[in-house]
Amino acid sequence: MAADTPTIDSDVLSAYVEGFVSEDDALVSARKRGVELGCSPISPLGGAALRLLATTLRARAVVEIGTGSGVSGLYLLRGMAPDGVLTSIDVEPEFQGAAKRAFSGAGMGPGRARLIMGRALEVLPRLTEEAYDLLYVSGSRQEYPGYLEQGVRLLRPGGVIAFDNVLLAGQITNPARRDPEAVALREVIRTVREDDRLVPVLLPLGDGLLVAAKAH
């Protein structure tokens, strides 16, 4: 008789996976400031995925929509080439001030990050076409479809776009959620999946990380 299959405790497994990544003092401090300011910093696993993407791409030019307190920016900068520049866009000056402190505290030189204050949909059209390796999105969810349109334009062939928080706290499949945020998220997920220019994957990290590479 075959041995009984052991029961897997999903909570224990989740804790094991979450514990795979540890954060240093700079990230812990930035995350704490983010919570105090009302930001929603990317999860440690999501941040590790961003660093992996930036490293794999040997990224030298990255755009971030939603500076927050600098958590995601630190992950991106640590994966980018030493001379790489992060362009980070946010409408909140307090957030960008916190991010600037986070970058400085982590030893990042002042030329590594270009912080732009303003609405992303107004800033992105002014950036150079096909000049970026990676675009990370954590801004207004209702504007995600617009970010996608601009992101594909800005990415070089082989570049990657990543959307955070696309699962709507697990409610993305709930048909009763028909508010503008839910509609926009479903639209961007569907569009990314169906766009022949993109090679997509939906990762269950944090509240969902939608990642797509621009085909060569």
N, C-alpha and C. Protein backbone atom coordinates (compact mmCIF):
# COMPACT_ATOMS: atom_id res chain seq x y z
N MET A 1 0.85 -1.19 0.00
CA MET A 1 0.00 0.00 0.00
C MET A 1 0.89 1.25 0.00
N ALA A 2 0.54 2.22 -0.83
CA ALA A 2 1.33 3.44 -0.91
C ALA A 2 1.19 4.24 0.37
N ALA A 3 2.25 4.88 0.73
CA ALA A 3 2.22 5.71 1.92
C ALA A 3 1.26 6.87 1.73
N ASP A 4 0.62 7.27 2.82
CA ASP A 4 -0.30 8.41 2.74
C ASP A 4 0.45 9.67 2.34
N THR A 5 -0.18 10.43 1.47
CA THR A 5 0.40 11.71 1.08
C THR A 5 0.33 12.68 2.24
N PRO A 6 1.45 13.27 2.63
CA PRO A 6 1.42 14.19 3.78
C PRO A 6 0.58 15.42 3.48
N THR A 7 -0.12 15.89 4.49
CA THR A 7 -0.93 17.09 4.35
C THR A 7 -0.04 18.32 4.38
N ILE A 8 -0.28 19.22 3.43
CA ILE A 8 0.51 20.45 3.35
C ILE A 8 -0.26 21.58 4.01
N ASP A 9 0.36 22.21 4.98
CA ASP A 9 -0.22 23.36 5.65
C ASP A 9 0.07 24.60 4.81
N SER A 10 -0.96 25.14 4.17
CA SER A 10 -0.75 26.26 3.25
C SER A 10 -0.20 27.49 3.96
N ASP A 11 -0.60 27.70 5.22
CA ASP A 11 -0.10 28.85 5.97
C ASP A 11 1.39 28.71 6.24
N VAL A 12 1.81 27.50 6.60
CA VAL A 12 3.23 27.26 6.86
C VAL A 12 4.03 27.43 5.57
N LEU A 13 3.48 26.92 4.47
CA LEU A 13 4.17 27.04 3.18
C LEU A 13 4.28 28.51 2.77
N SER A 14 3.20 29.26 2.95
CA SER A 14 3.23 30.69 2.60
C SER A 14 4.26 31.43 3.43
N ALA A 15 4.33 31.10 4.72
CA ALA A 15 5.31 31.75 5.60
C ALA A 15 6.73 31.41 5.17
N TYR A 16 6.92 30.16 4.73
CA TYR A 16 8.25 29.74 4.26
C TYR A 16 8.66 30.52 3.01
N VAL A 17 7.71 30.67 2.09
CA VAL A 17 8.00 31.41 0.85
C VAL A 17 8.26 32.89 1.16
N GLU A 18 7.40 33.48 2.00
CA GLU A 18 7.57 34.89 2.35
C GLU A 18 8.90 35.12 3.06
N GLY A 19 9.32 34.14 3.87
CA GLY A 19 10.56 34.27 4.62
C GLY A 19 11.80 34.07 3.78
N PHE A 20 11.63 33.71 2.52
CA PHE A 20 12.78 33.49 1.63
C PHE A 20 13.56 34.79 1.42
N VAL A 21 12.85 35.90 1.45
CA VAL A 21 13.47 37.21 1.22
C VAL A 21 13.52 37.97 2.54
N SER A 22 14.69 38.48 2.88
CA SER A 22 14.82 39.34 4.06
C SER A 22 15.21 40.74 3.61
N GLU A 23 14.80 41.73 4.37
CA GLU A 23 15.07 43.12 4.02
C GLU A 23 16.06 43.74 5.01
N ASP A 24 16.98 44.56 4.50
CA ASP A 24 17.96 45.20 5.35
C ASP A 24 17.36 46.46 5.99
N ASP A 25 18.18 47.16 6.78
CA ASP A 25 17.68 48.31 7.53
C ASP A 25 17.12 49.41 6.62
N ALA A 26 17.76 49.63 5.47
CA ALA A 26 17.30 50.68 4.57
C ALA A 26 15.89 50.39 4.07
N LEU A 27 15.63 49.15 3.68
CA LEU A 27 14.30 48.78 3.20
C LEU A 27 13.27 48.78 4.33
N VAL A 28 13.66 48.29 5.49
CA VAL A 28 12.75 48.27 6.64
C VAL A 28 12.33 49.69 7.01
N SER A 29 13.30 50.62 7.02
CA SER A 29 13.00 52.01 7.35
C SER A 29 12.10 52.64 6.31
N ALA A 30 12.40 52.40 5.03
CA ALA A 30 11.57 52.94 3.95
C ALA A 30 10.15 52.39 4.02
N ARG A 31 10.03 51.11 4.31
CA ARG A 31 8.71 50.48 4.41
C ARG A 31 7.93 51.09 5.58
N LYS A 32 8.61 51.31 6.71
CA LYS A 32 7.95 51.91 7.88
C LYS A 32 7.46 53.30 7.56
N ARG A 33 8.30 54.11 6.89
CA ARG A 33 7.87 55.46 6.51
C ARG A 33 6.69 55.41 5.55
N GLY A 34 6.70 54.43 4.66
CA GLY A 34 5.59 54.30 3.73
C GLY A 34 4.27 54.04 4.42
N VAL A 35 4.29 53.17 5.41
CA VAL A 35 3.08 52.88 6.18
C VAL A 35 2.61 54.14 6.91
N GLU A 36 3.55 54.88 7.49
CA GLU A 36 3.20 56.11 8.21
C GLU A 36 2.58 57.15 7.28
N LEU A 37 3.04 57.18 6.02
CA LEU A 37 2.54 58.15 5.05
C LEU A 37 1.27 57.68 4.34
N GLY A 38 0.89 56.43 4.56
CA GLY A 38 -0.29 55.90 3.89
C GLY A 38 -0.02 55.30 2.54
N CYS A 39 1.27 55.00 2.26
CA CYS A 39 1.62 54.31 1.02
C CYS A 39 1.30 52.82 1.14
N SER A 40 1.37 52.12 0.04
CA SER A 40 1.24 50.67 0.03
C SER A 40 2.48 50.11 -0.65
N PRO A 41 3.61 50.00 0.09
CA PRO A 41 4.85 49.55 -0.55
C PRO A 41 4.71 48.14 -1.12
N ILE A 42 5.46 47.87 -2.17
CA ILE A 42 5.46 46.55 -2.77
C ILE A 42 5.90 45.51 -1.74
N SER A 43 5.38 44.30 -1.83
CA SER A 43 5.75 43.24 -0.90
C SER A 43 7.22 42.88 -1.08
N PRO A 44 7.84 42.28 -0.06
CA PRO A 44 9.24 41.86 -0.21
C PRO A 44 9.46 40.92 -1.39
N LEU A 45 8.56 39.99 -1.62
CA LEU A 45 8.72 39.09 -2.75
C LEU A 45 8.54 39.83 -4.08
N GLY A 46 7.59 40.75 -4.11
CA GLY A 46 7.42 41.56 -5.31
C GLY A 46 8.65 42.41 -5.57
N GLY A 47 9.21 42.98 -4.51
CA GLY A 47 10.42 43.76 -4.65
C GLY A 47 11.58 42.92 -5.16
N ALA A 48 11.69 41.71 -4.63
CA ALA A 48 12.75 40.81 -5.10
C ALA A 48 12.58 40.49 -6.58
N ALA A 49 11.32 40.37 -7.02
CA ALA A 49 11.06 40.11 -8.44
C ALA A 49 11.49 41.31 -9.28
N LEU A 50 11.25 42.53 -8.80
CA LEU A 50 11.68 43.72 -9.53
C LEU A 50 13.20 43.76 -9.64
N ARG A 51 13.87 43.44 -8.54
CA ARG A 51 15.35 43.45 -8.58
C ARG A 51 15.86 42.40 -9.55
N LEU A 52 15.22 41.24 -9.55
CA LEU A 52 15.60 40.18 -10.49
C LEU A 52 15.42 40.63 -11.94
N LEU A 53 14.28 41.26 -12.22
CA LEU A 53 14.02 41.74 -13.58
C LEU A 53 15.07 42.78 -13.99
N ALA A 54 15.34 43.73 -13.11
CA ALA A 54 16.31 44.78 -13.43
C ALA A 54 17.70 44.18 -13.66
N THR A 55 18.05 43.18 -12.87
CA THR A 55 19.35 42.53 -13.02
C THR A 55 19.42 41.76 -14.32
N THR A 56 18.38 40.99 -14.61
CA THR A 56 18.35 40.18 -15.83
C THR A 56 18.42 41.05 -17.08
N LEU A 57 17.74 42.18 -17.03
CA LEU A 57 17.71 43.10 -18.18
C LEU A 57 18.97 43.96 -18.27
N ARG A 58 19.82 43.91 -17.21
CA ARG A 58 20.97 44.82 -17.12
C ARG A 58 20.49 46.25 -17.33
N ALA A 59 19.41 46.55 -16.65
CA ALA A 59 18.69 47.80 -16.88
C ALA A 59 19.53 49.02 -16.53
N ARG A 60 19.53 49.97 -17.45
CA ARG A 60 20.21 51.24 -17.25
C ARG A 60 19.21 52.41 -17.22
N ALA A 61 18.03 52.18 -17.76
CA ALA A 61 16.99 53.22 -17.78
C ALA A 61 15.66 52.59 -17.37
N VAL A 62 15.14 53.03 -16.22
CA VAL A 62 13.91 52.46 -15.67
C VAL A 62 12.96 53.60 -15.31
N VAL A 63 11.68 53.39 -15.58
CA VAL A 63 10.63 54.33 -15.17
C VAL A 63 9.78 53.67 -14.10
N GLU A 64 9.50 54.44 -13.06
CA GLU A 64 8.63 53.97 -11.98
C GLU A 64 7.46 54.94 -11.85
N ILE A 65 6.25 54.41 -11.89
CA ILE A 65 5.04 55.22 -11.69
C ILE A 65 4.53 54.95 -10.29
N GLY A 66 4.66 55.94 -9.42
CA GLY A 66 4.31 55.78 -8.02
C GLY A 66 5.57 55.62 -7.18
N THR A 67 6.18 56.74 -6.81
CA THR A 67 7.43 56.70 -6.06
C THR A 67 7.24 56.10 -4.67
N GLY A 68 6.11 56.44 -4.04
CA GLY A 68 5.89 55.98 -2.68
C GLY A 68 7.00 56.44 -1.77
N SER A 69 7.40 55.61 -0.82
CA SER A 69 8.44 55.97 0.13
C SER A 69 9.81 55.45 -0.29
N GLY A 70 9.90 54.90 -1.50
CA GLY A 70 11.19 54.46 -2.03
C GLY A 70 11.49 52.99 -1.92
N VAL A 71 10.55 52.18 -1.44
CA VAL A 71 10.80 50.74 -1.29
C VAL A 71 11.05 50.09 -2.64
N SER A 72 10.11 50.25 -3.56
CA SER A 72 10.29 49.64 -4.89
C SER A 72 11.48 50.26 -5.61
N GLY A 73 11.69 51.56 -5.42
CA GLY A 73 12.83 52.21 -6.04
C GLY A 73 14.16 51.62 -5.59
N LEU A 74 14.27 51.31 -4.30
CA LEU A 74 15.50 50.68 -3.80
C LEU A 74 15.73 49.32 -4.43
N TYR A 75 14.68 48.53 -4.54
CA TYR A 75 14.81 47.21 -5.17
C TYR A 75 15.25 47.37 -6.63
N LEU A 76 14.65 48.32 -7.33
CA LEU A 76 15.01 48.53 -8.73
C LEU A 76 16.46 49.00 -8.87
N LEU A 77 16.84 49.99 -8.08
CA LEU A 77 18.20 50.53 -8.16
C LEU A 77 19.25 49.48 -7.85
N ARG A 78 18.95 48.61 -6.91
CA ARG A 78 19.92 47.57 -6.53
C ARG A 78 20.08 46.51 -7.62
N GLY A 79 19.09 46.40 -8.49
CA GLY A 79 19.21 45.45 -9.59
C GLY A 79 19.77 46.06 -10.86
N MET A 80 19.70 47.37 -10.97
CA MET A 80 20.12 48.06 -12.20
C MET A 80 21.63 48.13 -12.31
N ALA A 81 22.10 48.43 -13.50
CA ALA A 81 23.53 48.65 -13.73
C ALA A 81 24.01 49.80 -12.84
N PRO A 82 25.29 49.79 -12.43
CA PRO A 82 25.79 50.82 -11.52
C PRO A 82 25.60 52.25 -12.02
N ASP A 83 25.57 52.42 -13.34
CA ASP A 83 25.37 53.76 -13.89
C ASP A 83 23.93 53.99 -14.33
N GLY A 84 23.04 53.07 -13.96
CA GLY A 84 21.64 53.20 -14.37
C GLY A 84 20.93 54.32 -13.64
N VAL A 85 19.90 54.88 -14.29
CA VAL A 85 19.13 55.98 -13.72
C VAL A 85 17.66 55.58 -13.63
N LEU A 86 17.09 55.76 -12.45
CA LEU A 86 15.68 55.51 -12.21
C LEU A 86 14.90 56.81 -12.32
N THR A 87 13.92 56.85 -13.22
CA THR A 87 13.01 58.00 -13.33
C THR A 87 11.73 57.65 -12.60
N SER A 88 11.44 58.34 -11.51
CA SER A 88 10.29 57.99 -10.67
C SER A 88 9.31 59.15 -10.62
N ILE A 89 8.03 58.84 -10.86
CA ILE A 89 6.99 59.86 -11.00
C ILE A 89 5.95 59.71 -9.89
N ASP A 90 5.59 60.82 -9.25
CA ASP A 90 4.56 60.78 -8.22
C ASP A 90 3.96 62.18 -8.09
N VAL A 91 2.71 62.24 -7.64
CA VAL A 91 2.04 63.53 -7.46
C VAL A 91 2.23 64.07 -6.05
N GLU A 92 2.76 63.24 -5.13
CA GLU A 92 2.87 63.64 -3.74
C GLU A 92 4.31 64.04 -3.39
N PRO A 93 4.55 65.32 -3.10
CA PRO A 93 5.91 65.75 -2.74
C PRO A 93 6.43 65.08 -1.47
N GLU A 94 5.52 64.78 -0.53
CA GLU A 94 5.94 64.14 0.72
C GLU A 94 6.49 62.74 0.45
N PHE A 95 5.86 62.04 -0.48
CA PHE A 95 6.35 60.71 -0.84
C PHE A 95 7.74 60.80 -1.44
N GLN A 96 7.91 61.72 -2.36
CA GLN A 96 9.21 61.83 -3.03
C GLN A 96 10.30 62.27 -2.06
N GLY A 97 9.95 63.09 -1.08
CA GLY A 97 10.92 63.45 -0.06
C GLY A 97 11.36 62.24 0.74
N ALA A 98 10.40 61.37 1.09
CA ALA A 98 10.72 60.15 1.82
C ALA A 98 11.59 59.22 0.98
N ALA A 99 11.28 59.12 -0.30
CA ALA A 99 12.07 58.26 -1.19
C ALA A 99 13.49 58.78 -1.33
N LYS A 100 13.63 60.09 -1.43
CA LYS A 100 14.97 60.68 -1.55
C LYS A 100 15.81 60.33 -0.32
N ARG A 101 15.19 60.40 0.86
CA ARG A 101 15.91 60.02 2.09
C ARG A 101 16.27 58.55 2.08
N ALA A 102 15.36 57.73 1.58
CA ALA A 102 15.62 56.28 1.52
C ALA A 102 16.80 55.98 0.60
N PHE A 103 16.82 56.61 -0.56
CA PHE A 103 17.90 56.37 -1.52
C PHE A 103 19.25 56.84 -0.95
N SER A 104 19.24 58.01 -0.34
CA SER A 104 20.47 58.54 0.24
C SER A 104 20.96 57.66 1.38
N GLY A 105 20.02 57.22 2.23
CA GLY A 105 20.38 56.37 3.36
C GLY A 105 20.93 55.02 2.94
N ALA A 106 20.56 54.57 1.73
CA ALA A 106 21.05 53.29 1.22
C ALA A 106 22.34 53.45 0.43
N GLY A 107 22.86 54.67 0.38
CA GLY A 107 24.13 54.90 -0.30
C GLY A 107 24.03 55.13 -1.79
N MET A 108 22.83 55.44 -2.28
CA MET A 108 22.68 55.70 -3.70
C MET A 108 23.12 57.13 -4.02
N GLY A 109 23.91 57.30 -5.03
CA GLY A 109 24.37 58.63 -5.41
C GLY A 109 23.23 59.50 -5.89
N PRO A 110 23.37 60.82 -5.79
CA PRO A 110 22.28 61.73 -6.17
C PRO A 110 21.89 61.65 -7.64
N GLY A 111 22.80 61.16 -8.50
CA GLY A 111 22.48 61.06 -9.92
C GLY A 111 21.78 59.78 -10.31
N ARG A 112 21.54 58.88 -9.35
CA ARG A 112 20.93 57.59 -9.68
C ARG A 112 19.42 57.67 -9.86
N ALA A 113 18.78 58.66 -9.25
CA ALA A 113 17.32 58.75 -9.32
C ALA A 113 16.89 60.15 -9.76
N ARG A 114 16.01 60.19 -10.74
CA ARG A 114 15.42 61.45 -11.22
C ARG A 114 13.96 61.43 -10.79
N LEU A 115 13.63 62.28 -9.81
CA LEU A 115 12.28 62.31 -9.26
C LEU A 115 11.48 63.41 -9.95
N ILE A 116 10.36 63.04 -10.55
CA ILE A 116 9.51 63.99 -11.27
C ILE A 116 8.16 64.06 -10.58
N MET A 117 7.76 65.27 -10.19
CA MET A 117 6.47 65.45 -9.56
C MET A 117 5.42 65.78 -10.61
N GLY A 118 4.32 65.01 -10.61
CA GLY A 118 3.26 65.28 -11.56
C GLY A 118 2.46 64.02 -11.85
N ARG A 119 1.40 64.18 -12.64
CA ARG A 119 0.58 63.04 -13.04
C ARG A 119 1.31 62.25 -14.11
N ALA A 120 1.37 60.94 -13.92
CA ALA A 120 2.13 60.10 -14.84
C ALA A 120 1.64 60.21 -16.28
N LEU A 121 0.33 60.30 -16.48
CA LEU A 121 -0.20 60.37 -17.84
C LEU A 121 0.16 61.68 -18.53
N GLU A 122 0.58 62.67 -17.77
CA GLU A 122 1.06 63.92 -18.36
C GLU A 122 2.57 63.90 -18.57
N VAL A 123 3.28 63.14 -17.73
CA VAL A 123 4.74 63.07 -17.82
C VAL A 123 5.20 62.06 -18.87
N LEU A 124 4.58 60.90 -18.91
CA LEU A 124 5.04 59.81 -19.79
C LEU A 124 5.13 60.20 -21.26
N PRO A 125 4.16 60.95 -21.82
CA PRO A 125 4.27 61.32 -23.24
C PRO A 125 5.50 62.15 -23.56
N ARG A 126 6.13 62.74 -22.54
CA ARG A 126 7.31 63.58 -22.78
C ARG A 126 8.60 62.76 -22.75
N LEU A 127 8.52 61.49 -22.38
CA LEU A 127 9.71 60.64 -22.32
C LEU A 127 9.99 60.02 -23.69
N THR A 128 11.24 59.65 -23.90
CA THR A 128 11.70 59.20 -25.22
C THR A 128 11.20 57.80 -25.56
N GLU A 129 10.71 57.63 -26.77
CA GLU A 129 10.18 56.35 -27.25
C GLU A 129 11.28 55.29 -27.32
N GLU A 130 10.95 54.09 -26.87
CA GLU A 130 11.82 52.91 -26.91
C GLU A 130 13.19 53.17 -26.27
N ALA A 131 13.20 53.96 -25.19
CA ALA A 131 14.46 54.31 -24.54
C ALA A 131 14.62 53.64 -23.17
N TYR A 132 13.65 52.81 -22.76
CA TYR A 132 13.67 52.28 -21.40
C TYR A 132 13.66 50.75 -21.39
N ASP A 133 14.35 50.22 -20.38
CA ASP A 133 14.46 48.77 -20.23
C ASP A 133 13.32 48.18 -19.42
N LEU A 134 12.81 48.96 -18.48
CA LEU A 134 11.83 48.44 -17.52
C LEU A 134 10.92 49.56 -17.07
N LEU A 135 9.63 49.25 -16.97
CA LEU A 135 8.64 50.20 -16.46
C LEU A 135 7.86 49.51 -15.36
N TYR A 136 7.89 50.08 -14.15
CA TYR A 136 7.16 49.53 -13.01
C TYR A 136 6.00 50.45 -12.67
N VAL A 137 4.81 49.88 -12.53
CA VAL A 137 3.59 50.66 -12.33
C VAL A 137 2.96 50.34 -10.98
N SER A 138 2.82 51.39 -10.16
CA SER A 138 2.10 51.27 -8.89
C SER A 138 1.41 52.59 -8.59
N GLY A 139 0.75 53.13 -9.59
CA GLY A 139 0.06 54.41 -9.44
C GLY A 139 -1.44 54.21 -9.32
N SER A 140 -2.20 55.16 -9.84
CA SER A 140 -3.66 55.08 -9.80
C SER A 140 -4.13 53.89 -10.65
N ARG A 141 -4.84 52.98 -10.03
CA ARG A 141 -5.27 51.79 -10.76
C ARG A 141 -6.23 52.12 -11.89
N GLN A 142 -7.03 53.16 -11.72
CA GLN A 142 -7.95 53.53 -12.78
C GLN A 142 -7.21 53.98 -14.04
N GLU A 143 -5.96 54.37 -13.89
CA GLU A 143 -5.18 54.84 -15.03
C GLU A 143 -4.26 53.76 -15.60
N TYR A 144 -4.35 52.54 -15.09
CA TYR A 144 -3.48 51.45 -15.58
C TYR A 144 -3.56 51.25 -17.10
N PRO A 145 -4.75 51.26 -17.70
CA PRO A 145 -4.80 51.09 -19.16
C PRO A 145 -4.01 52.17 -19.90
N GLY A 146 -4.07 53.40 -19.43
CA GLY A 146 -3.29 54.47 -20.05
C GLY A 146 -1.80 54.28 -19.85
N TYR A 147 -1.41 53.79 -18.66
CA TYR A 147 0.00 53.51 -18.41
C TYR A 147 0.50 52.42 -19.35
N LEU A 148 -0.34 51.44 -19.62
CA LEU A 148 0.06 50.35 -20.52
C LEU A 148 0.35 50.88 -21.92
N GLU A 149 -0.55 51.72 -22.41
CA GLU A 149 -0.37 52.28 -23.76
C GLU A 149 0.94 53.05 -23.86
N GLN A 150 1.21 53.88 -22.87
CA GLN A 150 2.45 54.64 -22.87
C GLN A 150 3.67 53.74 -22.63
N GLY A 151 3.50 52.75 -21.77
CA GLY A 151 4.61 51.87 -21.44
C GLY A 151 5.12 51.09 -22.64
N VAL A 152 4.23 50.56 -23.44
CA VAL A 152 4.65 49.83 -24.63
C VAL A 152 5.42 50.75 -25.58
N ARG A 153 5.01 52.00 -25.64
CA ARG A 153 5.71 52.97 -26.49
C ARG A 153 7.12 53.25 -25.97
N LEU A 154 7.26 53.32 -24.66
CA LEU A 154 8.54 53.70 -24.06
C LEU A 154 9.56 52.56 -24.01
N LEU A 155 9.08 51.32 -23.98
CA LEU A 155 10.00 50.19 -23.82
C LEU A 155 10.76 49.87 -25.10
N ARG A 156 12.02 49.55 -24.95
CA ARG A 156 12.79 48.99 -26.06
C ARG A 156 12.31 47.57 -26.31
N PRO A 157 12.55 47.00 -27.50
CA PRO A 157 12.24 45.58 -27.72
C PRO A 157 12.97 44.73 -26.68
N GLY A 158 12.26 43.83 -26.06
CA GLY A 158 12.82 43.02 -24.99
C GLY A 158 12.66 43.62 -23.62
N GLY A 159 12.20 44.88 -23.57
CA GLY A 159 11.96 45.53 -22.29
C GLY A 159 10.73 44.96 -21.59
N VAL A 160 10.58 45.28 -20.32
CA VAL A 160 9.53 44.66 -19.49
C VAL A 160 8.71 45.74 -18.78
N ILE A 161 7.39 45.50 -18.72
CA ILE A 161 6.49 46.33 -17.93
C ILE A 161 5.89 45.47 -16.82
N ALA A 162 5.78 46.02 -15.62
CA ALA A 162 5.26 45.27 -14.47
C ALA A 162 4.23 46.12 -13.74
N PHE A 163 3.02 45.58 -13.58
CA PHE A 163 1.93 46.25 -12.88
C PHE A 163 1.73 45.59 -11.52
N ASP A 164 1.79 46.38 -10.45
CA ASP A 164 1.58 45.85 -9.11
C ASP A 164 0.11 45.99 -8.71
N ASN A 165 -0.30 45.17 -7.74
CA ASN A 165 -1.64 45.26 -7.13
C ASN A 165 -2.77 45.11 -8.15
N VAL A 166 -2.69 44.07 -8.97
CA VAL A 166 -3.73 43.88 -10.00
C VAL A 166 -4.84 42.92 -9.58
N LEU A 167 -4.72 42.29 -8.42
CA LEU A 167 -5.73 41.31 -8.01
C LEU A 167 -6.81 41.89 -7.11
N LEU A 168 -6.70 43.17 -6.81
CA LEU A 168 -7.77 43.88 -6.09
C LEU A 168 -8.10 43.19 -4.77
N ALA A 169 -7.05 42.87 -4.01
CA ALA A 169 -7.23 42.19 -2.71
C ALA A 169 -8.06 40.92 -2.87
N GLY A 170 -7.83 40.21 -3.98
CA GLY A 170 -8.53 38.96 -4.23
C GLY A 170 -9.91 39.12 -4.85
N GLN A 171 -10.31 40.35 -5.14
CA GLN A 171 -11.67 40.61 -5.64
C GLN A 171 -11.73 40.73 -7.16
N ILE A 172 -10.63 40.54 -7.86
CA ILE A 172 -10.62 40.77 -9.30
C ILE A 172 -11.57 39.84 -10.04
N THR A 173 -11.83 38.66 -9.49
CA THR A 173 -12.73 37.70 -10.15
C THR A 173 -14.16 37.82 -9.67
N ASN A 174 -14.43 38.75 -8.77
CA ASN A 174 -15.77 38.93 -8.23
C ASN A 174 -16.60 39.76 -9.21
N PRO A 175 -17.60 39.17 -9.87
CA PRO A 175 -18.38 39.92 -10.87
C PRO A 175 -19.17 41.08 -10.28
N ALA A 176 -19.37 41.07 -8.97
CA ALA A 176 -20.11 42.16 -8.34
C ALA A 176 -19.28 43.44 -8.25
N ARG A 177 -17.96 43.31 -8.38
CA ARG A 177 -17.10 44.49 -8.35
C ARG A 177 -17.08 45.12 -9.74
N ARG A 178 -17.82 46.19 -9.91
CA ARG A 178 -17.91 46.87 -11.20
C ARG A 178 -17.53 48.34 -11.09
N ASP A 179 -16.84 48.69 -10.02
CA ASP A 179 -16.40 50.05 -9.83
C ASP A 179 -15.30 50.38 -10.84
N PRO A 180 -14.99 51.67 -11.07
CA PRO A 180 -13.99 52.05 -12.08
C PRO A 180 -12.63 51.39 -11.89
N GLU A 181 -12.22 51.19 -10.64
CA GLU A 181 -10.92 50.56 -10.37
C GLU A 181 -10.92 49.12 -10.87
N ALA A 182 -11.97 48.36 -10.53
CA ALA A 182 -12.06 46.97 -10.95
C ALA A 182 -12.14 46.86 -12.46
N VAL A 183 -12.92 47.72 -13.08
CA VAL A 183 -13.06 47.71 -14.54
C VAL A 183 -11.72 47.97 -15.20
N ALA A 184 -10.97 48.94 -14.69
CA ALA A 184 -9.67 49.28 -15.28
C ALA A 184 -8.68 48.13 -15.13
N LEU A 185 -8.67 47.48 -13.97
CA LEU A 185 -7.74 46.38 -13.76
C LEU A 185 -8.07 45.20 -14.67
N ARG A 186 -9.35 44.88 -14.80
CA ARG A 186 -9.72 43.79 -15.70
C ARG A 186 -9.35 44.13 -17.14
N GLU A 187 -9.50 45.39 -17.50
CA GLU A 187 -9.16 45.80 -18.86
C GLU A 187 -7.66 45.64 -19.12
N VAL A 188 -6.83 46.06 -18.18
CA VAL A 188 -5.39 45.98 -18.42
C VAL A 188 -4.92 44.53 -18.42
N ILE A 189 -5.50 43.69 -17.58
CA ILE A 189 -5.14 42.27 -17.58
C ILE A 189 -5.51 41.63 -18.91
N ARG A 190 -6.73 41.91 -19.38
CA ARG A 190 -7.19 41.35 -20.65
C ARG A 190 -6.34 41.85 -21.82
N THR A 191 -6.04 43.14 -21.81
CA THR A 191 -5.28 43.72 -22.91
C THR A 191 -3.87 43.17 -22.97
N VAL A 192 -3.23 43.05 -21.82
CA VAL A 192 -1.87 42.50 -21.78
C VAL A 192 -1.86 41.06 -22.29
N ARG A 193 -2.87 40.30 -21.88
CA ARG A 193 -2.94 38.89 -22.28
C ARG A 193 -3.17 38.74 -23.78
N GLU A 194 -3.91 39.67 -24.39
CA GLU A 194 -4.29 39.52 -25.79
C GLU A 194 -3.39 40.27 -26.76
N ASP A 195 -2.50 41.11 -26.26
CA ASP A 195 -1.65 41.94 -27.12
C ASP A 195 -0.51 41.10 -27.70
N ASP A 196 -0.48 40.96 -29.02
CA ASP A 196 0.55 40.15 -29.67
C ASP A 196 1.96 40.73 -29.51
N ARG A 197 2.04 41.98 -29.11
CA ARG A 197 3.36 42.60 -28.92
C ARG A 197 3.98 42.22 -27.59
N LEU A 198 3.21 41.58 -26.72
CA LEU A 198 3.66 41.32 -25.35
C LEU A 198 3.69 39.83 -25.04
N VAL A 199 4.63 39.45 -24.17
CA VAL A 199 4.73 38.08 -23.65
C VAL A 199 4.46 38.18 -22.15
N PRO A 200 3.24 37.80 -21.69
CA PRO A 200 2.83 38.11 -20.33
C PRO A 200 2.86 36.92 -19.36
N VAL A 201 2.86 37.28 -18.05
CA VAL A 201 2.64 36.31 -16.99
C VAL A 201 2.03 37.06 -15.81
N LEU A 202 1.12 36.40 -15.10
CA LEU A 202 0.49 36.98 -13.92
C LEU A 202 1.01 36.21 -12.70
N LEU A 203 1.74 36.90 -11.85
CA LEU A 203 2.41 36.26 -10.72
C LEU A 203 1.66 36.53 -9.42
N PRO A 204 1.45 35.51 -8.58
CA PRO A 204 0.72 35.70 -7.32
C PRO A 204 1.64 36.21 -6.21
N LEU A 205 2.26 37.36 -6.45
CA LEU A 205 3.15 37.97 -5.46
C LEU A 205 2.46 39.20 -4.88
N GLY A 206 2.42 39.30 -3.56
CA GLY A 206 1.70 40.40 -2.95
C GLY A 206 0.25 40.36 -3.37
N ASP A 207 -0.25 41.47 -3.91
CA ASP A 207 -1.62 41.52 -4.41
C ASP A 207 -1.65 41.37 -5.93
N GLY A 208 -0.66 40.61 -6.44
CA GLY A 208 -0.63 40.31 -7.87
C GLY A 208 0.32 41.21 -8.62
N LEU A 209 1.25 40.60 -9.38
CA LEU A 209 2.21 41.33 -10.20
C LEU A 209 2.04 40.85 -11.63
N LEU A 210 1.53 41.72 -12.49
CA LEU A 210 1.34 41.42 -13.90
C LEU A 210 2.58 41.88 -14.66
N VAL A 211 3.27 40.94 -15.30
CA VAL A 211 4.55 41.25 -15.95
C VAL A 211 4.45 40.86 -17.43
N ALA A 212 4.98 41.72 -18.30
CA ALA A 212 4.97 41.42 -19.74
C ALA A 212 6.23 41.97 -20.39
N ALA A 213 6.81 41.17 -21.26
CA ALA A 213 7.97 41.61 -22.03
C ALA A 213 7.51 42.05 -23.41
N LYS A 214 8.12 43.11 -23.92
CA LYS A 214 7.82 43.58 -25.26
C LYS A 214 8.57 42.71 -26.26
N ALA A 215 7.85 42.08 -27.17
CA ALA A 215 8.46 41.16 -28.12
C ALA A 215 9.50 41.86 -28.97
N HIS A 216 10.53 41.11 -29.36
CA HIS A 216 11.58 41.66 -30.22
C HIS A 216 11.05 41.86 -31.64
